[in-house]
Amino acid sequence: MYRLDAAATHWVNSLAGVSPAVDGLMIGASTVGVPLLVLLVACQWWVREDQRHTRHVLVASGLSFLLGLGLNQFILLFISRTRPYDAGVTHLLVARSGDFSFPSDHATATFAIAAAFLSHGMPRRGGAFLAAAVLVAFSRVYVGTHYASDVLGGMATGIIAALFVREAYREGTRPDRFVTGIL
Protein backbone atom coordinates (compact mmCIF):
# COMPACT_ATOMS: atom_id res chain seq x y z
CA MET A 1 0.00 0.00 0.00
CA TYR A 2 2.88 2.38 0.76
CA ARG A 3 4.21 1.97 -2.78
CA LEU A 4 0.89 3.04 -4.28
CA ASP A 5 0.67 6.01 -1.90
CA ALA A 6 4.26 7.05 -2.62
CA ALA A 7 3.72 6.67 -6.37
CA ALA A 8 0.53 8.77 -6.32
CA THR A 9 2.24 11.38 -4.16
CA HIS A 10 5.29 11.50 -6.40
CA TRP A 11 3.10 11.80 -9.52
CA VAL A 12 1.16 14.78 -8.12
CA ASN A 13 4.36 16.44 -6.88
CA SER A 14 6.04 15.88 -10.27
CA LEU A 15 3.55 18.38 -11.74
CA ALA A 16 5.33 21.10 -9.74
CA GLY A 17 7.77 23.21 -11.68
CA VAL A 18 5.98 22.86 -15.03
CA SER A 19 4.06 26.13 -14.78
CA PRO A 20 5.06 29.07 -12.58
CA ALA A 21 1.42 30.22 -12.51
CA VAL A 22 0.17 26.84 -11.26
CA ASP A 23 3.05 26.66 -8.77
CA GLY A 24 2.05 30.09 -7.44
CA LEU A 25 -1.61 29.04 -7.14
CA MET A 26 -0.70 25.84 -5.31
CA ILE A 27 1.76 27.56 -2.97
CA GLY A 28 -0.88 30.19 -2.22
CA ALA A 29 -3.60 27.60 -1.61
CA SER A 30 -1.27 25.64 0.61
CA THR A 31 -0.09 28.57 2.71
CA VAL A 32 -3.12 30.88 2.97
CA GLY A 33 -6.01 28.55 2.09
CA VAL A 34 -6.99 27.69 5.66
CA PRO A 35 -6.82 31.23 7.09
CA LEU A 36 -8.73 32.53 4.07
CA LEU A 37 -11.51 29.98 4.54
CA VAL A 38 -11.74 30.76 8.25
CA LEU A 39 -12.04 34.46 7.39
CA LEU A 40 -14.76 33.71 4.83
CA VAL A 41 -16.68 31.73 7.44
CA ALA A 42 -16.33 34.44 10.09
CA CYS A 43 -17.44 37.24 7.72
CA GLN A 44 -20.78 35.49 7.25
CA TRP A 45 -21.76 36.22 10.86
CA TRP A 46 -23.45 39.44 9.76
CA VAL A 47 -25.29 38.03 6.73
CA ARG A 48 -28.98 38.85 7.13
CA GLU A 49 -30.37 35.99 5.04
CA ASP A 50 -31.69 33.29 7.43
CA GLN A 51 -29.45 34.75 10.12
CA ARG A 52 -30.12 32.28 12.97
CA HIS A 53 -29.56 29.22 10.81
CA THR A 54 -26.49 30.74 9.15
CA ARG A 55 -25.00 31.58 12.53
CA HIS A 56 -25.74 28.08 13.78
CA VAL A 57 -23.85 26.64 10.80
CA LEU A 58 -20.96 29.05 11.38
CA VAL A 59 -20.63 27.94 15.00
CA ALA A 60 -20.96 24.30 13.93
CA SER A 61 -18.21 24.76 11.34
CA GLY A 62 -15.94 26.32 13.97
CA LEU A 63 -16.60 23.47 16.37
CA SER A 64 -16.00 20.94 13.57
CA PHE A 65 -12.73 22.66 12.69
CA LEU A 66 -11.53 22.52 16.31
CA LEU A 67 -12.70 18.96 16.93
CA GLY A 68 -11.07 17.75 13.72
CA LEU A 69 -7.74 19.30 14.65
CA GLY A 70 -8.09 17.83 18.15
CA LEU A 71 -8.67 14.38 16.64
CA ASN A 72 -5.51 14.86 14.59
CA GLN A 73 -3.49 15.57 17.73
CA PHE A 74 -4.82 12.34 19.25
CA ILE A 75 -3.92 10.38 16.10
CA LEU A 76 -0.39 11.84 16.19
CA LEU A 77 0.11 10.13 19.57
CA PHE A 78 0.00 6.80 17.75
CA ILE A 79 1.19 7.54 14.20
CA SER A 80 4.51 9.29 13.61
CA ARG A 81 4.75 9.33 9.85
CA THR A 82 7.78 10.94 8.22
CA ARG A 83 7.10 13.70 5.70
CA PRO A 84 7.43 12.62 2.04
CA TYR A 85 10.24 15.10 1.37
CA ASP A 86 12.25 13.51 4.20
CA ALA A 87 11.67 10.10 2.62
CA GLY A 88 12.86 11.31 -0.79
CA VAL A 89 9.42 10.95 -2.39
CA THR A 90 8.82 14.64 -3.12
CA HIS A 91 10.68 17.89 -3.57
CA LEU A 92 9.44 20.72 -1.39
CA LEU A 93 8.13 24.07 -2.66
CA VAL A 94 7.32 25.57 0.77
CA ALA A 95 8.99 25.72 4.17
CA ARG A 96 9.57 22.47 6.02
CA SER A 97 7.03 21.45 8.61
CA GLY A 98 8.04 20.64 12.16
CA ASP A 99 5.46 17.93 12.86
CA PHE A 100 4.57 14.54 11.46
CA SER A 101 2.78 13.99 8.17
CA PHE A 102 -0.38 11.99 8.98
CA PRO A 103 -3.08 13.27 8.97
CA SER A 104 -3.04 16.60 7.16
CA ASP A 105 -4.28 19.43 9.38
CA HIS A 106 -4.99 21.55 6.31
CA ALA A 107 -7.24 18.88 4.80
CA THR A 108 -8.93 18.31 8.15
CA ALA A 109 -9.67 21.98 8.69
CA THR A 110 -10.99 22.67 5.21
CA PHE A 111 -13.08 19.51 4.92
CA ALA A 112 -14.53 20.08 8.39
CA ILE A 113 -15.78 23.49 7.24
CA ALA A 114 -17.19 22.15 3.96
CA ALA A 115 -18.84 19.15 5.63
CA ALA A 116 -20.42 21.37 8.28
CA PHE A 117 -22.04 23.57 5.65
CA LEU A 118 -23.14 20.61 3.53
CA SER A 119 -24.53 18.58 6.43
CA HIS A 120 -26.54 21.59 7.66
CA GLY A 121 -28.34 22.07 4.36
CA MET A 122 -26.32 24.89 2.82
CA PRO A 123 -25.35 23.29 -0.50
CA ARG A 124 -24.22 26.40 -2.41
CA ARG A 125 -21.85 27.62 0.29
CA GLY A 126 -20.89 24.06 1.20
CA GLY A 127 -20.09 23.30 -2.44
CA ALA A 128 -17.89 26.38 -2.67
CA PHE A 129 -16.09 25.40 0.54
CA LEU A 130 -15.77 21.82 -0.76
CA ALA A 131 -14.12 23.04 -3.97
CA ALA A 132 -11.71 25.12 -1.88
CA ALA A 133 -11.04 22.13 0.41
CA VAL A 134 -10.17 19.93 -2.56
CA LEU A 135 -7.81 22.62 -3.88
CA VAL A 136 -6.09 23.03 -0.51
CA ALA A 137 -5.77 19.26 0.00
CA PHE A 138 -4.39 18.74 -3.51
CA SER A 139 -1.98 21.64 -3.02
CA ARG A 140 -0.50 19.99 0.06
CA VAL A 141 0.57 17.00 -2.04
CA TYR A 142 1.56 19.21 -5.00
CA VAL A 143 3.95 21.33 -2.89
CA GLY A 144 5.49 18.15 -1.47
CA THR A 145 4.56 18.39 2.18
CA HIS A 146 2.07 15.47 2.39
CA TYR A 147 1.45 12.02 1.02
CA ALA A 148 -1.86 11.52 -0.80
CA SER A 149 -3.07 9.32 2.08
CA ASP A 150 -2.29 12.10 4.56
CA VAL A 151 -4.86 14.36 2.92
CA LEU A 152 -7.35 11.48 2.67
CA GLY A 153 -6.89 10.89 6.40
CA GLY A 154 -7.35 14.61 7.07
CA MET A 155 -10.45 14.64 4.92
CA ALA A 156 -11.87 11.75 6.94
CA THR A 157 -11.18 13.37 10.33
CA GLY A 158 -12.71 16.64 9.14
CA ILE A 159 -15.87 14.94 7.91
CA ILE A 160 -16.15 12.77 11.03
CA ALA A 161 -15.79 15.86 13.21
CA ALA A 162 -18.50 17.71 11.26
CA LEU A 163 -20.90 14.78 11.49
CA PHE A 164 -20.29 14.46 15.23
CA VAL A 165 -20.90 18.18 15.75
CA ARG A 166 -24.06 17.93 13.60
CA GLU A 167 -25.44 15.40 16.08
CA ALA A 168 -24.13 16.98 19.28
CA TYR A 169 -24.77 20.69 18.66
CA ARG A 170 -28.46 21.04 17.84
CA GLU A 171 -30.03 24.08 16.30
CA GLY A 172 -32.52 25.95 18.46
CA THR A 173 -31.26 24.68 21.81
CA ARG A 174 -30.68 27.16 24.62
CA PRO A 175 -26.87 27.23 24.12
CA ASP A 176 -27.39 27.65 20.38
CA ARG A 177 -29.83 30.53 20.82
CA PHE A 178 -27.41 32.21 23.21
CA VAL A 179 -24.38 31.90 20.92
CA THR A 180 -26.20 32.79 17.70
CA GLY A 181 -27.80 35.83 19.38
CA ILE A 182 -24.45 37.50 20.10
CA LEU A 183 -23.95 40.77 18.18
C-alpha atoms as a PDB file:
ATOM      1  CA  MET A   1       0.000   0.000   0.000  1.00  0.00           C
ATOM      2  CA  TYR A   2       2.875   2.376   0.763  1.00  0.00           C
ATOM      3  CA  ARG A   3       4.212   1.975  -2.782  1.00  0.00           C
ATOM      4  CA  LEU A   4       0.887   3.041  -4.280  1.00  0.00           C
ATOM      5  CA  ASP A   5       0.672   6.007  -1.895  1.00  0.00           C
ATOM      6  CA  ALA A   6       4.264   7.053  -2.622  1.00  0.00           C
ATOM      7  CA  ALA A   7       3.720   6.667  -6.371  1.00  0.00           C
ATOM      8  CA  ALA A   8       0.530   8.770  -6.321  1.00  0.00           C
ATOM      9  CA  THR A   9       2.237  11.379  -4.158  1.00  0.00           C
ATOM     10  CA  HIS A  10       5.294  11.495  -6.404  1.00  0.00           C
ATOM     11  CA  TRP A  11       3.099  11.802  -9.520  1.00  0.00           C
ATOM     12  CA  VAL A  12       1.163  14.781  -8.124  1.00  0.00           C
ATOM     13  CA  ASN A  13       4.359  16.441  -6.875  1.00  0.00           C
ATOM     14  CA  SER A  14       6.036  15.875 -10.271  1.00  0.00           C
ATOM     15  CA  LEU A  15       3.546  18.377 -11.737  1.00  0.00           C
ATOM     16  CA  ALA A  16       5.327  21.100  -9.739  1.00  0.00           C
ATOM     17  CA  GLY A  17       7.774  23.209 -11.681  1.00  0.00           C
ATOM     18  CA  VAL A  18       5.985  22.857 -15.025  1.00  0.00           C
ATOM     19  CA  SER A  19       4.061  26.133 -14.781  1.00  0.00           C
ATOM     20  CA  PRO A  20       5.059  29.071 -12.577  1.00  0.00           C
ATOM     21  CA  ALA A  21       1.416  30.217 -12.513  1.00  0.00           C
ATOM     22  CA  VAL A  22       0.170  26.841 -11.265  1.00  0.00           C
ATOM     23  CA  ASP A  23       3.047  26.658  -8.770  1.00  0.00           C
ATOM     24  CA  GLY A  24       2.046  30.087  -7.439  1.00  0.00           C
ATOM     25  CA  LEU A  25      -1.609  29.042  -7.145  1.00  0.00           C
ATOM     26  CA  MET A  26      -0.696  25.840  -5.308  1.00  0.00           C
ATOM     27  CA  ILE A  27       1.755  27.555  -2.967  1.00  0.00           C
ATOM     28  CA  GLY A  28      -0.880  30.194  -2.224  1.00  0.00           C
ATOM     29  CA  ALA A  29      -3.600  27.603  -1.614  1.00  0.00           C
ATOM     30  CA  SER A  30      -1.269  25.635   0.613  1.00  0.00           C
ATOM     31  CA  THR A  31      -0.088  28.566   2.708  1.00  0.00           C
ATOM     32  CA  VAL A  32      -3.122  30.880   2.967  1.00  0.00           C
ATOM     33  CA  GLY A  33      -6.014  28.554   2.087  1.00  0.00           C
ATOM     34  CA  VAL A  34      -6.994  27.689   5.656  1.00  0.00           C
ATOM     35  CA  PRO A  35      -6.816  31.228   7.085  1.00  0.00           C
ATOM     36  CA  LEU A  36      -8.734  32.533   4.074  1.00  0.00           C
ATOM     37  CA  LEU A  37     -11.514  29.976   4.540  1.00  0.00           C
ATOM     38  CA  VAL A  38     -11.735  30.764   8.247  1.00  0.00           C
ATOM     39  CA  LEU A  39     -12.044  34.460   7.388  1.00  0.00           C
ATOM     40  CA  LEU A  40     -14.763  33.710   4.827  1.00  0.00           C
ATOM     41  CA  VAL A  41     -16.682  31.728   7.443  1.00  0.00           C
ATOM     42  CA  ALA A  42     -16.326  34.442  10.087  1.00  0.00           C
ATOM     43  CA  CYS A  43     -17.437  37.235   7.725  1.00  0.00           C
ATOM     44  CA  GLN A  44     -20.775  35.494   7.252  1.00  0.00           C
ATOM     45  CA  TRP A  45     -21.763  36.216  10.861  1.00  0.00           C
ATOM     46  CA  TRP A  46     -23.446  39.440   9.759  1.00  0.00           C
ATOM     47  CA  VAL A  47     -25.291  38.027   6.735  1.00  0.00           C
ATOM     48  CA  ARG A  48     -28.975  38.855   7.131  1.00  0.00           C
ATOM     49  CA  GLU A  49     -30.372  35.985   5.043  1.00  0.00           C
ATOM     50  CA  ASP A  50     -31.695  33.289   7.429  1.00  0.00           C
ATOM     51  CA  GLN A  51     -29.453  34.752  10.118  1.00  0.00           C
ATOM     52  CA  ARG A  52     -30.115  32.280  12.971  1.00  0.00           C
ATOM     53  CA  HIS A  53     -29.564  29.220  10.812  1.00  0.00           C
ATOM     54  CA  THR A  54     -26.492  30.735   9.154  1.00  0.00           C
ATOM     55  CA  ARG A  55     -25.005  31.585  12.531  1.00  0.00           C
ATOM     56  CA  HIS A  56     -25.743  28.080  13.783  1.00  0.00           C
ATOM     57  CA  VAL A  57     -23.846  26.645  10.800  1.00  0.00           C
ATOM     58  CA  LEU A  58     -20.960  29.049  11.376  1.00  0.00           C
ATOM     59  CA  VAL A  59     -20.630  27.944  14.997  1.00  0.00           C
ATOM     60  CA  ALA A  60     -20.960  24.300  13.934  1.00  0.00           C
ATOM     61  CA  SER A  61     -18.208  24.763  11.341  1.00  0.00           C
ATOM     62  CA  GLY A  62     -15.939  26.321  13.966  1.00  0.00           C
ATOM     63  CA  LEU A  63     -16.603  23.468  16.369  1.00  0.00           C
ATOM     64  CA  SER A  64     -16.004  20.940  13.575  1.00  0.00           C
ATOM     65  CA  PHE A  65     -12.728  22.659  12.691  1.00  0.00           C
ATOM     66  CA  LEU A  66     -11.527  22.522  16.311  1.00  0.00           C
ATOM     67  CA  LEU A  67     -12.705  18.961  16.935  1.00  0.00           C
ATOM     68  CA  GLY A  68     -11.073  17.749  13.718  1.00  0.00           C
ATOM     69  CA  LEU A  69      -7.737  19.301  14.652  1.00  0.00           C
ATOM     70  CA  GLY A  70      -8.089  17.833  18.146  1.00  0.00           C
ATOM     71  CA  LEU A  71      -8.667  14.385  16.644  1.00  0.00           C
ATOM     72  CA  ASN A  72      -5.506  14.857  14.594  1.00  0.00           C
ATOM     73  CA  GLN A  73      -3.486  15.569  17.727  1.00  0.00           C
ATOM     74  CA  PHE A  74      -4.821  12.341  19.254  1.00  0.00           C
ATOM     75  CA  ILE A  75      -3.916  10.377  16.103  1.00  0.00           C
ATOM     76  CA  LEU A  76      -0.391  11.836  16.191  1.00  0.00           C
ATOM     77  CA  LEU A  77       0.114  10.128  19.566  1.00  0.00           C
ATOM     78  CA  PHE A  78      -0.001   6.798  17.746  1.00  0.00           C
ATOM     79  CA  ILE A  79       1.195   7.543  14.205  1.00  0.00           C
ATOM     80  CA  SER A  80       4.509   9.289  13.610  1.00  0.00           C
ATOM     81  CA  ARG A  81       4.753   9.331   9.846  1.00  0.00           C
ATOM     82  CA  THR A  82       7.778  10.938   8.218  1.00  0.00           C
ATOM     83  CA  ARG A  83       7.104  13.703   5.697  1.00  0.00           C
ATOM     84  CA  PRO A  84       7.425  12.620   2.037  1.00  0.00           C
ATOM     85  CA  TYR A  85      10.241  15.098   1.370  1.00  0.00           C
ATOM     86  CA  ASP A  86      12.252  13.513   4.204  1.00  0.00           C
ATOM     87  CA  ALA A  87      11.670  10.095   2.624  1.00  0.00           C
ATOM     88  CA  GLY A  88      12.857  11.310  -0.792  1.00  0.00           C
ATOM     89  CA  VAL A  89       9.416  10.947  -2.388  1.00  0.00           C
ATOM     90  CA  THR A  90       8.817  14.644  -3.115  1.00  0.00           C
ATOM     91  CA  HIS A  91      10.678  17.893  -3.572  1.00  0.00           C
ATOM     92  CA  LEU A  92       9.443  20.724  -1.395  1.00  0.00           C
ATOM     93  CA  LEU A  93       8.125  24.075  -2.657  1.00  0.00           C
ATOM     94  CA  VAL A  94       7.323  25.567   0.767  1.00  0.00           C
ATOM     95  CA  ALA A  95       8.993  25.722   4.172  1.00  0.00           C
ATOM     96  CA  ARG A  96       9.573  22.466   6.022  1.00  0.00           C
ATOM     97  CA  SER A  97       7.032  21.445   8.608  1.00  0.00           C
ATOM     98  CA  GLY A  98       8.043  20.642  12.159  1.00  0.00           C
ATOM     99  CA  ASP A  99       5.464  17.935  12.861  1.00  0.00           C
ATOM    100  CA  PHE A 100       4.572  14.536  11.460  1.00  0.00           C
ATOM    101  CA  SER A 101       2.778  13.992   8.173  1.00  0.00           C
ATOM    102  CA  PHE A 102      -0.379  11.989   8.977  1.00  0.00           C
ATOM    103  CA  PRO A 103      -3.077  13.271   8.967  1.00  0.00           C
ATOM    104  CA  SER A 104      -3.043  16.597   7.158  1.00  0.00           C
ATOM    105  CA  ASP A 105      -4.280  19.435   9.384  1.00  0.00           C
ATOM    106  CA  HIS A 106      -4.986  21.551   6.307  1.00  0.00           C
ATOM    107  CA  ALA A 107      -7.241  18.878   4.798  1.00  0.00           C
ATOM    108  CA  THR A 108      -8.931  18.312   8.151  1.00  0.00           C
ATOM    109  CA  ALA A 109      -9.674  21.984   8.691  1.00  0.00           C
ATOM    110  CA  THR A 110     -10.993  22.675   5.206  1.00  0.00           C
ATOM    111  CA  PHE A 111     -13.083  19.514   4.916  1.00  0.00           C
ATOM    112  CA  ALA A 112     -14.533  20.079   8.393  1.00  0.00           C
ATOM    113  CA  ILE A 113     -15.783  23.488   7.242  1.00  0.00           C
ATOM    114  CA  ALA A 114     -17.185  22.147   3.961  1.00  0.00           C
ATOM    115  CA  ALA A 115     -18.842  19.152   5.628  1.00  0.00           C
ATOM    116  CA  ALA A 116     -20.422  21.372   8.284  1.00  0.00           C
ATOM    117  CA  PHE A 117     -22.045  23.568   5.646  1.00  0.00           C
ATOM    118  CA  LEU A 118     -23.145  20.613   3.528  1.00  0.00           C
ATOM    119  CA  SER A 119     -24.532  18.584   6.434  1.00  0.00           C
ATOM    120  CA  HIS A 120     -26.537  21.587   7.662  1.00  0.00           C
ATOM    121  CA  GLY A 121     -28.344  22.069   4.364  1.00  0.00           C
ATOM    122  CA  MET A 122     -26.318  24.888   2.822  1.00  0.00           C
ATOM    123  CA  PRO A 123     -25.348  23.292  -0.504  1.00  0.00           C
ATOM    124  CA  ARG A 124     -24.220  26.397  -2.406  1.00  0.00           C
ATOM    125  CA  ARG A 125     -21.855  27.623   0.288  1.00  0.00           C
ATOM    126  CA  GLY A 126     -20.895  24.058   1.199  1.00  0.00           C
ATOM    127  CA  GLY A 127     -20.095  23.304  -2.439  1.00  0.00           C
ATOM    128  CA  ALA A 128     -17.886  26.378  -2.671  1.00  0.00           C
ATOM    129  CA  PHE A 129     -16.094  25.400   0.538  1.00  0.00           C
ATOM    130  CA  LEU A 130     -15.770  21.824  -0.759  1.00  0.00           C
ATOM    131  CA  ALA A 131     -14.118  23.043  -3.968  1.00  0.00           C
ATOM    132  CA  ALA A 132     -11.706  25.115  -1.876  1.00  0.00           C
ATOM    133  CA  ALA A 133     -11.037  22.133   0.412  1.00  0.00           C
ATOM    134  CA  VAL A 134     -10.173  19.934  -2.561  1.00  0.00           C
ATOM    135  CA  LEU A 135      -7.811  22.619  -3.880  1.00  0.00           C
ATOM    136  CA  VAL A 136      -6.086  23.033  -0.507  1.00  0.00           C
ATOM    137  CA  ALA A 137      -5.774  19.261   0.005  1.00  0.00           C
ATOM    138  CA  PHE A 138      -4.390  18.743  -3.513  1.00  0.00           C
ATOM    139  CA  SER A 139      -1.980  21.641  -3.023  1.00  0.00           C
ATOM    140  CA  ARG A 140      -0.500  19.995   0.059  1.00  0.00           C
ATOM    141  CA  VAL A 141       0.571  17.004  -2.036  1.00  0.00           C
ATOM    142  CA  TYR A 142       1.558  19.209  -4.995  1.00  0.00           C
ATOM    143  CA  VAL A 143       3.945  21.330  -2.887  1.00  0.00           C
ATOM    144  CA  GLY A 144       5.495  18.155  -1.471  1.00  0.00           C
ATOM    145  CA  THR A 145       4.560  18.393   2.182  1.00  0.00           C
ATOM    146  CA  HIS A 146       2.074  15.474   2.394  1.00  0.00           C
ATOM    147  CA  TYR A 147       1.446  12.024   1.021  1.00  0.00           C
ATOM    148  CA  ALA A 148      -1.862  11.522  -0.796  1.00  0.00           C
ATOM    149  CA  SER A 149      -3.073   9.318   2.080  1.00  0.00           C
ATOM    150  CA  ASP A 150      -2.292  12.104   4.560  1.00  0.00           C
ATOM    151  CA  VAL A 151      -4.857  14.355   2.918  1.00  0.00           C
ATOM    152  CA  LEU A 152      -7.348  11.482   2.670  1.00  0.00           C
ATOM    153  CA  GLY A 153      -6.890  10.893   6.401  1.00  0.00           C
ATOM    154  CA  GLY A 154      -7.348  14.607   7.067  1.00  0.00           C
ATOM    155  CA  MET A 155     -10.446  14.638   4.915  1.00  0.00           C
ATOM    156  CA  ALA A 156     -11.867  11.750   6.944  1.00  0.00           C
ATOM    157  CA  THR A 157     -11.179  13.369  10.329  1.00  0.00           C
ATOM    158  CA  GLY A 158     -12.713  16.643   9.141  1.00  0.00           C
ATOM    159  CA  ILE A 159     -15.871  14.937   7.913  1.00  0.00           C
ATOM    160  CA  ILE A 160     -16.155  12.769  11.031  1.00  0.00           C
ATOM    161  CA  ALA A 161     -15.789  15.861  13.213  1.00  0.00           C
ATOM    162  CA  ALA A 162     -18.495  17.714  11.265  1.00  0.00           C
ATOM    163  CA  LEU A 163     -20.899  14.783  11.494  1.00  0.00           C
ATOM    164  CA  PHE A 164     -20.289  14.459  15.232  1.00  0.00           C
ATOM    165  CA  VAL A 165     -20.904  18.181  15.747  1.00  0.00           C
ATOM    166  CA  ARG A 166     -24.056  17.933  13.604  1.00  0.00           C
ATOM    167  CA  GLU A 167     -25.438  15.398  16.080  1.00  0.00           C
ATOM    168  CA  ALA A 168     -24.133  16.977  19.279  1.00  0.00           C
ATOM    169  CA  TYR A 169     -24.771  20.691  18.655  1.00  0.00           C
ATOM    170  CA  ARG A 170     -28.456  21.035  17.844  1.00  0.00           C
ATOM    171  CA  GLU A 171     -30.032  24.081  16.300  1.00  0.00           C
ATOM    172  CA  GLY A 172     -32.517  25.949  18.460  1.00  0.00           C
ATOM    173  CA  THR A 173     -31.256  24.682  21.814  1.00  0.00           C
ATOM    174  CA  ARG A 174     -30.676  27.161  24.619  1.00  0.00           C
ATOM    175  CA  PRO A 175     -26.869  27.233  24.124  1.00  0.00           C
ATOM    176  CA  ASP A 176     -27.388  27.654  20.381  1.00  0.00           C
ATOM    177  CA  ARG A 177     -29.825  30.525  20.818  1.00  0.00           C
ATOM    178  CA  PHE A 178     -27.409  32.214  23.206  1.00  0.00           C
ATOM    179  CA  VAL A 179     -24.382  31.904  20.920  1.00  0.00           C
ATOM    180  CA  THR A 180     -26.197  32.795  17.702  1.00  0.00           C
ATOM    181  CA  GLY A 181     -27.800  35.832  19.375  1.00  0.00           C
ATOM    182  CA  ILE A 182     -24.451  37.499  20.098  1.00  0.00           C
ATOM    183  CA  LEU A 183     -23.950  40.766  18.180  1.00  0.00           C
END
